[in-house]
């Protein structure tokens, strides 16, 4: 049978992925749903002394102390004002450190409002700008085209890097005492 030849060695076409969208200080952001464990209504936080300003406190999540990061403060903006739609997005960060096993940490991310889960095809996402987004360029994995504008797609692994996780854990351990964090 003759016909058009198909090159099966070509790289597979990248597939669309799901992203959780949310607002922060009036801007639209998204993060890969792969990192999202759950979404909680805002709840009272336990303040932990001697932690960085962007750590608003901890919550008890099924018996574990989970630090809650104010993403707005992390980006160098004003503190998130707690409102009716304020949510805590629980994300799991996994990073390999040298030859050791990957480090896994759950962190709560305080946002103004969670919007919805959307699908972005690879063609919908443009490269991250080098400047002008209002946050560090390395925190951005791309800019997704959406409804006559853009959604900033975050690289949550860089926003909450292993160094940050280590600093958070050390500060929590120092403030709460051994074995309590």
N, C-alpha and C. Protein backbone atom coordinates (compact mmCIF):
# COMPACT_ATOMS: atom_id res chain seq x y z
N UNK A 1 0.86 -1.17 0.00
CA UNK A 1 0.00 0.00 0.00
C UNK A 1 0.90 1.22 0.00
N UNK A 2 0.66 2.11 -0.93
CA UNK A 2 1.46 3.32 -0.97
C UNK A 2 0.67 4.45 -0.35
N UNK A 3 1.37 5.43 0.13
CA UNK A 3 0.71 6.56 0.76
C UNK A 3 1.74 7.49 1.33
N UNK A 4 1.28 8.39 2.11
CA UNK A 4 2.16 9.37 2.73
C UNK A 4 2.93 8.67 3.84
N UNK A 5 4.25 8.83 3.84
CA UNK A 5 5.07 8.24 4.88
C UNK A 5 4.93 9.01 6.19
N UNK A 6 4.96 8.29 7.28
CA UNK A 6 4.88 8.91 8.60
C UNK A 6 6.20 8.68 9.30
N UNK A 7 6.80 9.74 9.76
CA UNK A 7 8.07 9.65 10.49
C UNK A 7 7.76 9.37 11.95
N UNK A 8 7.88 8.12 12.35
CA UNK A 8 7.55 7.73 13.72
C UNK A 8 8.66 8.08 14.71
N UNK A 9 9.80 8.54 14.20
CA UNK A 9 10.90 8.91 15.09
C UNK A 9 10.78 10.34 15.59
N UNK A 10 9.84 11.08 15.01
CA UNK A 10 9.66 12.48 15.43
C UNK A 10 9.21 12.52 16.89
N UNK A 11 9.55 13.60 17.55
CA UNK A 11 9.17 13.77 18.96
C UNK A 11 7.66 13.79 19.08
N UNK A 12 7.11 13.15 20.12
CA UNK A 12 5.66 13.17 20.29
C UNK A 12 5.17 14.59 20.54
N UNK A 13 3.94 14.82 20.11
CA UNK A 13 3.34 16.13 20.30
C UNK A 13 3.03 16.31 21.79
N UNK A 14 3.42 17.44 22.33
CA UNK A 14 3.14 17.71 23.74
C UNK A 14 1.63 17.83 23.93
N UNK A 15 1.16 17.31 25.04
CA UNK A 15 -0.27 17.32 25.30
C UNK A 15 -0.65 18.50 26.18
N UNK A 16 -1.93 18.82 26.13
CA UNK A 16 -2.46 19.88 26.98
C UNK A 16 -2.36 19.43 28.44
N UNK A 17 -2.28 20.39 29.33
CA UNK A 17 -2.18 20.09 30.76
C UNK A 17 -3.20 20.91 31.53
N UNK A 18 -3.53 20.44 32.72
CA UNK A 18 -4.49 21.13 33.58
C UNK A 18 -3.76 22.06 34.53
N UNK A 19 -4.36 23.23 34.76
CA UNK A 19 -3.79 24.24 35.64
C UNK A 19 -4.88 24.79 36.54
N UNK A 20 -4.53 25.02 37.80
CA UNK A 20 -5.42 25.70 38.73
C UNK A 20 -5.18 27.19 38.59
N UNK A 21 -6.25 27.95 38.34
CA UNK A 21 -6.09 29.41 38.22
C UNK A 21 -6.60 30.08 39.49
N UNK A 22 -5.94 31.18 39.83
CA UNK A 22 -6.32 31.93 41.02
C UNK A 22 -5.92 33.38 40.83
N UNK A 23 -6.46 34.24 41.70
CA UNK A 23 -6.10 35.65 41.65
C UNK A 23 -5.31 36.03 42.89
N UNK A 24 -4.44 37.01 42.66
CA UNK A 24 -3.57 37.52 43.71
C UNK A 24 -3.34 38.99 43.40
N UNK A 25 -3.79 39.86 44.29
CA UNK A 25 -3.64 41.31 44.10
C UNK A 25 -4.21 41.74 42.74
N UNK A 26 -5.32 41.12 42.33
CA UNK A 26 -5.99 41.48 41.09
C UNK A 26 -5.42 40.87 39.83
N UNK A 27 -4.32 40.14 39.92
CA UNK A 27 -3.70 39.52 38.75
C UNK A 27 -4.04 38.03 38.70
N UNK A 28 -4.07 37.48 37.48
CA UNK A 28 -4.40 36.07 37.28
C UNK A 28 -3.13 35.24 37.22
N UNK A 29 -3.13 34.14 37.97
CA UNK A 29 -2.01 33.21 38.01
C UNK A 29 -2.52 31.79 37.81
N UNK A 30 -1.61 30.90 37.46
CA UNK A 30 -1.95 29.48 37.32
C UNK A 30 -0.76 28.65 37.78
N UNK A 31 -1.09 27.45 38.27
CA UNK A 31 -0.02 26.49 38.55
C UNK A 31 -0.49 25.11 38.15
N UNK A 32 0.47 24.31 37.74
CA UNK A 32 0.20 22.96 37.25
C UNK A 32 -0.55 22.19 38.33
N UNK A 33 -1.68 21.60 37.96
CA UNK A 33 -2.53 20.89 38.91
C UNK A 33 -1.79 19.70 39.54
N UNK A 34 -0.74 19.24 38.89
CA UNK A 34 0.07 18.13 39.39
C UNK A 34 0.58 18.41 40.81
N UNK A 35 0.86 19.66 41.12
CA UNK A 35 1.41 20.02 42.43
C UNK A 35 0.33 20.26 43.49
N UNK A 36 -0.92 20.41 43.07
CA UNK A 36 -2.00 20.77 43.99
C UNK A 36 -2.54 19.52 44.67
N UNK A 37 -2.53 19.52 46.00
CA UNK A 37 -3.06 18.41 46.78
C UNK A 37 -4.52 18.65 47.12
N UNK A 38 -4.82 19.86 47.58
CA UNK A 38 -6.20 20.21 47.92
C UNK A 38 -6.32 21.71 48.07
N UNK A 39 -7.57 22.17 48.14
CA UNK A 39 -7.87 23.59 48.30
C UNK A 39 -8.74 23.72 49.55
N UNK A 40 -8.33 24.60 50.45
CA UNK A 40 -9.05 24.79 51.71
C UNK A 40 -9.59 26.21 51.79
N UNK A 41 -10.72 26.34 52.48
CA UNK A 41 -11.18 27.69 52.83
C UNK A 41 -10.16 28.26 53.80
N UNK A 42 -10.03 29.57 53.78
CA UNK A 42 -9.11 30.21 54.72
C UNK A 42 -9.56 29.87 56.13
N UNK A 43 -8.61 29.63 56.99
CA UNK A 43 -8.90 29.28 58.38
C UNK A 43 -7.89 29.96 59.28
N UNK A 44 -8.16 30.01 60.57
CA UNK A 44 -7.20 30.65 61.47
C UNK A 44 -5.84 29.97 61.41
N UNK A 45 -4.81 30.79 61.44
CA UNK A 45 -3.43 30.30 61.39
C UNK A 45 -2.79 30.44 62.75
N UNK A 46 -1.92 29.51 63.08
CA UNK A 46 -1.11 29.63 64.29
C UNK A 46 0.17 30.35 63.90
N UNK A 47 0.42 31.49 64.52
CA UNK A 47 1.60 32.28 64.21
C UNK A 47 2.82 31.59 64.81
N UNK A 48 3.87 31.50 64.02
CA UNK A 48 5.12 30.91 64.49
C UNK A 48 6.15 32.03 64.57
N UNK A 49 6.66 32.32 65.76
CA UNK A 49 7.64 33.40 65.89
C UNK A 49 8.93 33.10 65.13
N UNK A 50 9.63 34.15 64.79
CA UNK A 50 10.95 34.08 64.16
C UNK A 50 10.95 33.35 62.82
N UNK A 51 9.88 33.50 62.05
CA UNK A 51 9.84 32.96 60.69
C UNK A 51 9.85 34.14 59.72
N UNK A 52 10.22 33.91 58.47
CA UNK A 52 10.20 35.00 57.50
C UNK A 52 8.80 35.61 57.39
N UNK A 53 8.74 36.89 57.01
CA UNK A 53 7.46 37.60 56.93
C UNK A 53 6.45 36.92 56.02
N UNK A 54 6.91 36.28 54.94
CA UNK A 54 5.97 35.69 54.00
C UNK A 54 5.33 34.40 54.53
N UNK A 55 5.81 33.89 55.67
CA UNK A 55 5.15 32.75 56.31
C UNK A 55 4.12 33.31 57.28
N UNK A 56 2.86 33.18 56.91
CA UNK A 56 1.79 33.75 57.73
C UNK A 56 1.50 32.92 58.97
N UNK A 57 1.90 31.66 58.97
CA UNK A 57 1.65 30.79 60.11
C UNK A 57 1.57 29.35 59.66
N UNK A 58 1.01 28.50 60.52
CA UNK A 58 0.83 27.09 60.18
C UNK A 58 -0.62 26.70 60.44
N UNK A 59 -1.04 25.65 59.73
CA UNK A 59 -2.35 25.05 59.99
C UNK A 59 -2.13 23.59 60.36
N UNK A 60 -3.09 23.04 61.07
CA UNK A 60 -3.08 21.62 61.39
C UNK A 60 -3.84 20.92 60.28
N UNK A 61 -3.12 20.15 59.48
CA UNK A 61 -3.74 19.42 58.38
C UNK A 61 -3.60 17.93 58.67
N UNK A 62 -4.68 17.37 59.20
CA UNK A 62 -4.70 15.95 59.57
C UNK A 62 -3.52 15.57 60.47
N UNK A 63 -3.29 16.42 61.48
CA UNK A 63 -2.26 16.13 62.47
C UNK A 63 -0.86 16.60 62.13
N UNK A 64 -0.69 17.21 60.96
CA UNK A 64 0.63 17.71 60.56
C UNK A 64 0.60 19.22 60.52
N UNK A 65 1.69 19.83 60.98
CA UNK A 65 1.83 21.29 60.90
C UNK A 65 2.29 21.63 59.49
N UNK A 66 1.45 22.36 58.77
CA UNK A 66 1.76 22.75 57.39
C UNK A 66 1.94 24.26 57.35
N UNK A 67 3.12 24.72 56.94
CA UNK A 67 3.34 26.17 56.85
C UNK A 67 2.47 26.78 55.75
N UNK A 68 2.01 28.00 55.99
CA UNK A 68 1.19 28.72 55.01
C UNK A 68 1.96 29.96 54.58
N UNK A 69 2.23 30.03 53.28
CA UNK A 69 2.98 31.12 52.67
C UNK A 69 2.01 32.13 52.08
N UNK A 70 2.22 33.40 52.35
CA UNK A 70 1.46 34.46 51.69
C UNK A 70 2.18 34.74 50.37
N UNK A 71 1.60 34.26 49.28
CA UNK A 71 2.26 34.37 47.98
C UNK A 71 2.48 35.82 47.58
N UNK A 72 1.56 36.69 47.98
CA UNK A 72 1.72 38.11 47.66
C UNK A 72 2.97 38.68 48.33
N UNK A 73 3.16 38.37 49.61
CA UNK A 73 4.37 38.81 50.31
C UNK A 73 5.62 38.17 49.71
N UNK A 74 5.51 36.92 49.31
CA UNK A 74 6.65 36.22 48.69
C UNK A 74 7.10 36.93 47.42
N UNK A 75 6.13 37.53 46.72
CA UNK A 75 6.44 38.25 45.49
C UNK A 75 6.84 39.70 45.75
N UNK A 76 6.89 40.09 47.02
CA UNK A 76 7.29 41.46 47.35
C UNK A 76 6.17 42.47 47.29
N UNK A 77 4.93 42.00 47.29
CA UNK A 77 3.77 42.88 47.25
C UNK A 77 3.18 43.01 48.65
N UNK A 78 2.03 43.65 48.74
CA UNK A 78 1.35 43.84 50.02
C UNK A 78 0.80 42.51 50.54
N UNK A 79 0.62 42.45 51.85
CA UNK A 79 0.06 41.28 52.50
C UNK A 79 -1.34 40.99 51.95
N UNK A 80 -1.67 39.72 51.79
CA UNK A 80 -3.00 39.33 51.34
C UNK A 80 -4.03 39.72 52.39
N UNK A 81 -5.07 40.42 51.95
CA UNK A 81 -6.16 40.80 52.84
C UNK A 81 -7.16 39.64 52.85
N UNK A 82 -7.47 39.15 54.04
CA UNK A 82 -8.36 38.00 54.16
C UNK A 82 -9.78 38.45 53.83
N UNK A 83 -10.41 37.74 52.89
CA UNK A 83 -11.78 38.03 52.47
C UNK A 83 -12.58 36.74 52.38
N UNK A 84 -13.81 36.85 51.87
CA UNK A 84 -14.69 35.69 51.77
C UNK A 84 -14.15 34.60 50.85
N UNK A 85 -13.43 34.98 49.80
CA UNK A 85 -12.94 34.00 48.82
C UNK A 85 -11.48 33.60 49.05
N UNK A 86 -10.85 34.15 50.08
CA UNK A 86 -9.45 33.80 50.35
C UNK A 86 -9.35 32.29 50.58
N UNK A 87 -8.37 31.68 49.95
CA UNK A 87 -8.20 30.23 50.04
C UNK A 87 -6.75 29.88 50.34
N UNK A 88 -6.58 28.67 50.83
CA UNK A 88 -5.25 28.10 51.03
C UNK A 88 -5.13 26.92 50.07
N UNK A 89 -4.21 27.04 49.13
CA UNK A 89 -3.96 25.96 48.18
C UNK A 89 -2.81 25.12 48.74
N UNK A 90 -3.08 23.86 49.01
CA UNK A 90 -2.04 22.97 49.52
C UNK A 90 -1.30 22.37 48.32
N UNK A 91 0.00 22.63 48.27
CA UNK A 91 0.82 22.11 47.19
C UNK A 91 1.88 21.18 47.78
N UNK A 92 2.30 20.23 46.98
CA UNK A 92 3.39 19.34 47.38
C UNK A 92 4.57 19.63 46.48
N UNK A 93 5.68 19.95 47.11
CA UNK A 93 6.91 20.25 46.40
C UNK A 93 7.84 19.05 46.57
N UNK A 94 8.36 18.54 45.47
CA UNK A 94 9.33 17.44 45.48
C UNK A 94 10.58 17.93 44.79
N UNK A 95 11.71 17.81 45.46
CA UNK A 95 12.98 18.19 44.86
C UNK A 95 14.04 17.19 45.25
N UNK A 96 14.87 16.83 44.28
CA UNK A 96 16.01 15.97 44.56
C UNK A 96 17.15 16.84 45.06
N UNK A 97 17.81 16.38 46.10
CA UNK A 97 18.93 17.12 46.66
C UNK A 97 20.16 16.23 46.59
N UNK A 98 21.03 16.51 45.65
CA UNK A 98 22.22 15.68 45.48
C UNK A 98 21.84 14.24 45.20
N UNK A 99 22.55 13.31 45.83
CA UNK A 99 22.28 11.88 45.62
C UNK A 99 21.22 11.36 46.58
N UNK A 100 20.74 12.23 47.46
CA UNK A 100 19.74 11.82 48.44
C UNK A 100 18.39 11.56 47.78
N UNK A 101 17.51 10.95 48.54
CA UNK A 101 16.14 10.76 48.09
C UNK A 101 15.48 12.12 47.92
N UNK A 102 14.49 12.21 47.03
CA UNK A 102 13.80 13.49 46.87
C UNK A 102 13.16 13.94 48.19
N UNK A 103 13.18 15.24 48.41
CA UNK A 103 12.55 15.83 49.58
C UNK A 103 11.14 16.23 49.18
N UNK A 104 10.17 15.85 49.98
CA UNK A 104 8.78 16.18 49.70
C UNK A 104 8.23 17.00 50.86
N UNK A 105 7.55 18.09 50.54
CA UNK A 105 7.03 18.97 51.58
C UNK A 105 5.68 19.52 51.15
N UNK A 106 4.71 19.48 52.04
CA UNK A 106 3.43 20.14 51.78
C UNK A 106 3.51 21.55 52.31
N UNK A 107 3.03 22.49 51.50
CA UNK A 107 3.02 23.90 51.88
C UNK A 107 1.68 24.48 51.47
N UNK A 108 1.11 25.29 52.35
CA UNK A 108 -0.11 26.01 52.02
C UNK A 108 0.24 27.35 51.39
N UNK A 109 -0.47 27.69 50.34
CA UNK A 109 -0.24 28.94 49.63
C UNK A 109 -1.51 29.78 49.75
N UNK A 110 -1.39 30.93 50.40
CA UNK A 110 -2.53 31.82 50.62
C UNK A 110 -2.75 32.66 49.37
N UNK A 111 -3.97 32.60 48.81
CA UNK A 111 -4.31 33.37 47.60
C UNK A 111 -5.62 34.12 47.84
N UNK A 112 -5.83 35.18 47.04
CA UNK A 112 -7.06 35.97 47.18
C UNK A 112 -8.30 35.14 46.86
N UNK A 113 -8.25 34.39 45.77
CA UNK A 113 -9.39 33.57 45.36
C UNK A 113 -8.93 32.50 44.38
N UNK A 114 -9.48 31.31 44.53
CA UNK A 114 -9.26 30.25 43.54
C UNK A 114 -10.37 30.40 42.51
N UNK A 115 -10.01 30.32 41.23
CA UNK A 115 -10.99 30.50 40.18
C UNK A 115 -11.49 29.17 39.63
N UNK A 116 -10.69 28.52 38.80
CA UNK A 116 -11.12 27.24 38.23
C UNK A 116 -9.92 26.49 37.69
N UNK A 117 -10.17 25.24 37.31
CA UNK A 117 -9.16 24.43 36.64
C UNK A 117 -9.37 24.60 35.14
N UNK A 118 -8.30 24.91 34.44
CA UNK A 118 -8.38 25.12 32.99
C UNK A 118 -7.35 24.23 32.30
N UNK A 119 -7.56 24.05 31.02
CA UNK A 119 -6.63 23.30 30.19
C UNK A 119 -5.89 24.27 29.29
N UNK A 120 -4.58 24.20 29.31
CA UNK A 120 -3.76 24.99 28.40
C UNK A 120 -3.00 24.02 27.50
N UNK A 121 -3.13 24.23 26.20
CA UNK A 121 -2.33 23.48 25.24
C UNK A 121 -0.95 24.13 25.20
N UNK A 122 0.06 23.39 24.80
CA UNK A 122 1.40 23.98 24.73
C UNK A 122 1.45 25.25 23.88
N UNK A 123 0.64 25.31 22.82
CA UNK A 123 0.62 26.51 21.97
C UNK A 123 0.01 27.72 22.67
N UNK A 124 -0.73 27.49 23.77
CA UNK A 124 -1.35 28.59 24.52
C UNK A 124 -0.36 29.29 25.43
N UNK A 125 0.78 28.67 25.68
CA UNK A 125 1.73 29.21 26.66
C UNK A 125 2.96 29.76 25.94
N UNK A 126 3.19 31.04 26.17
CA UNK A 126 4.36 31.72 25.60
C UNK A 126 5.49 31.73 26.62
N UNK A 127 6.73 31.90 26.17
CA UNK A 127 7.86 31.96 27.12
C UNK A 127 7.69 33.08 28.14
N UNK A 128 8.28 32.87 29.29
CA UNK A 128 8.22 33.87 30.35
C UNK A 128 8.97 35.13 29.93
N UNK A 129 8.44 36.30 30.28
CA UNK A 129 9.17 37.53 29.97
C UNK A 129 10.38 37.68 30.88
N UNK A 130 11.38 38.36 30.41
CA UNK A 130 12.59 38.57 31.21
C UNK A 130 12.36 39.62 32.29
N UNK A 131 11.36 40.47 32.10
CA UNK A 131 11.07 41.53 33.07
C UNK A 131 9.64 42.00 32.87
N UNK A 132 9.15 42.80 33.82
CA UNK A 132 7.85 43.46 33.67
C UNK A 132 6.66 42.71 34.20
N UNK A 133 6.85 41.52 34.78
CA UNK A 133 5.72 40.76 35.29
C UNK A 133 5.40 41.09 36.74
N UNK A 134 6.23 41.86 37.40
CA UNK A 134 5.98 42.22 38.79
C UNK A 134 6.50 41.20 39.79
N UNK A 135 7.03 40.08 39.31
CA UNK A 135 7.65 39.08 40.17
C UNK A 135 8.93 38.61 39.50
N UNK A 136 9.76 37.90 40.24
CA UNK A 136 11.03 37.42 39.68
C UNK A 136 10.77 36.56 38.44
N UNK A 137 11.54 36.79 37.40
CA UNK A 137 11.35 36.08 36.13
C UNK A 137 11.52 34.58 36.28
N UNK A 138 12.40 34.13 37.19
CA UNK A 138 12.61 32.69 37.33
C UNK A 138 11.44 31.99 38.02
N UNK A 139 10.51 32.74 38.60
CA UNK A 139 9.31 32.15 39.19
C UNK A 139 8.27 31.81 38.14
N UNK A 140 8.44 32.31 36.92
CA UNK A 140 7.44 32.18 35.87
C UNK A 140 7.88 31.13 34.85
N UNK A 141 7.00 30.16 34.59
CA UNK A 141 7.33 29.17 33.56
C UNK A 141 6.76 29.58 32.21
N UNK A 142 5.80 30.50 32.20
CA UNK A 142 5.26 30.98 30.93
C UNK A 142 4.08 31.90 31.15
N UNK A 143 3.57 32.40 30.04
CA UNK A 143 2.39 33.28 30.05
C UNK A 143 1.34 32.63 29.16
N UNK A 144 0.20 32.24 29.76
CA UNK A 144 -0.85 31.57 29.00
C UNK A 144 -1.85 32.58 28.47
N UNK A 145 -2.18 32.45 27.19
CA UNK A 145 -3.18 33.31 26.57
C UNK A 145 -4.55 32.88 27.06
N UNK A 146 -5.33 33.86 27.53
CA UNK A 146 -6.64 33.54 28.07
C UNK A 146 -7.54 34.76 28.02
N UNK A 147 -8.70 34.64 27.39
CA UNK A 147 -9.73 35.69 27.40
C UNK A 147 -9.17 37.10 27.21
N UNK A 148 -8.54 37.35 26.11
CA UNK A 148 -8.02 38.68 25.76
C UNK A 148 -6.92 39.18 26.70
N UNK A 149 -6.28 38.29 27.39
CA UNK A 149 -5.20 38.69 28.29
C UNK A 149 -4.28 37.51 28.53
N UNK A 150 -3.53 37.60 29.61
CA UNK A 150 -2.58 36.54 29.94
C UNK A 150 -2.75 36.11 31.39
N UNK A 151 -2.42 34.87 31.63
CA UNK A 151 -2.36 34.30 32.97
C UNK A 151 -0.89 33.94 33.20
N UNK A 152 -0.34 34.38 34.33
CA UNK A 152 1.05 34.06 34.66
C UNK A 152 1.09 32.62 35.17
N UNK A 153 1.82 31.77 34.46
CA UNK A 153 1.96 30.37 34.87
C UNK A 153 3.22 30.27 35.73
N UNK A 154 3.01 29.90 36.99
CA UNK A 154 4.11 29.86 37.95
C UNK A 154 4.85 28.53 37.92
N UNK A 155 6.12 28.60 38.19
CA UNK A 155 6.94 27.41 38.44
C UNK A 155 7.02 27.30 39.96
N UNK A 156 6.07 26.59 40.55
CA UNK A 156 5.95 26.57 42.01
C UNK A 156 7.19 25.97 42.67
N UNK A 157 7.90 25.11 41.96
CA UNK A 157 9.14 24.55 42.49
C UNK A 157 10.21 25.60 42.70
N UNK A 158 10.19 26.64 41.88
CA UNK A 158 11.16 27.73 42.04
C UNK A 158 10.65 28.78 43.02
N UNK A 159 9.34 29.00 43.03
CA UNK A 159 8.77 29.95 44.00
C UNK A 159 9.04 29.46 45.41
N UNK A 160 8.91 28.16 45.61
CA UNK A 160 9.15 27.54 46.91
C UNK A 160 10.28 26.53 46.75
N UNK A 161 11.49 27.02 46.60
CA UNK A 161 12.65 26.16 46.35
C UNK A 161 13.05 25.36 47.59
N UNK A 162 13.91 24.39 47.38
CA UNK A 162 14.38 23.54 48.48
C UNK A 162 15.07 24.36 49.57
N UNK A 163 15.77 25.41 49.18
CA UNK A 163 16.41 26.27 50.19
C UNK A 163 15.35 26.94 51.05
N UNK A 164 14.26 27.37 50.41
CA UNK A 164 13.17 27.99 51.17
C UNK A 164 12.52 26.98 52.10
N UNK A 165 12.30 25.77 51.59
CA UNK A 165 11.70 24.72 52.41
C UNK A 165 12.58 24.42 53.62
N UNK A 166 13.88 24.32 53.39
CA UNK A 166 14.82 24.06 54.50
C UNK A 166 14.78 25.20 55.51
N UNK A 167 14.73 26.44 55.03
CA UNK A 167 14.67 27.59 55.93
C UNK A 167 13.36 27.60 56.72
N UNK A 168 12.27 27.25 56.06
CA UNK A 168 10.97 27.19 56.74
C UNK A 168 10.99 26.12 57.82
N UNK A 169 11.47 24.93 57.46
CA UNK A 169 11.53 23.84 58.44
C UNK A 169 12.43 24.18 59.62
N UNK A 170 13.58 24.80 59.35
CA UNK A 170 14.50 25.18 60.42
C UNK A 170 13.86 26.22 61.34
N UNK A 171 13.19 27.21 60.75
CA UNK A 171 12.55 28.25 61.55
C UNK A 171 11.42 27.66 62.39
N UNK A 172 10.65 26.76 61.80
CA UNK A 172 9.55 26.14 62.56
C UNK A 172 10.09 25.27 63.68
N UNK A 173 11.14 24.51 63.42
CA UNK A 173 11.73 23.65 64.45
C UNK A 173 12.30 24.48 65.59
N UNK A 174 12.96 25.59 65.24
CA UNK A 174 13.54 26.47 66.26
C UNK A 174 12.46 27.12 67.11
N UNK A 175 11.36 27.51 66.47
CA UNK A 175 10.31 28.22 67.19
C UNK A 175 9.43 27.29 68.02
N UNK A 176 9.22 26.06 67.54
CA UNK A 176 8.30 25.17 68.24
C UNK A 176 8.99 24.13 69.10
N UNK A 177 10.28 23.96 68.92
CA UNK A 177 11.00 22.96 69.70
C UNK A 177 11.12 21.67 68.91
N UNK A 178 12.03 20.80 69.28
CA UNK A 178 12.27 19.56 68.54
C UNK A 178 11.05 18.65 68.53
N UNK A 179 10.79 18.08 67.34
CA UNK A 179 9.72 17.09 67.21
C UNK A 179 8.32 17.63 67.16
N UNK A 180 8.12 18.93 67.26
CA UNK A 180 6.77 19.48 67.27
C UNK A 180 6.35 20.05 65.93
N UNK A 181 7.28 20.40 65.04
CA UNK A 181 6.92 21.05 63.78
C UNK A 181 6.34 20.07 62.80
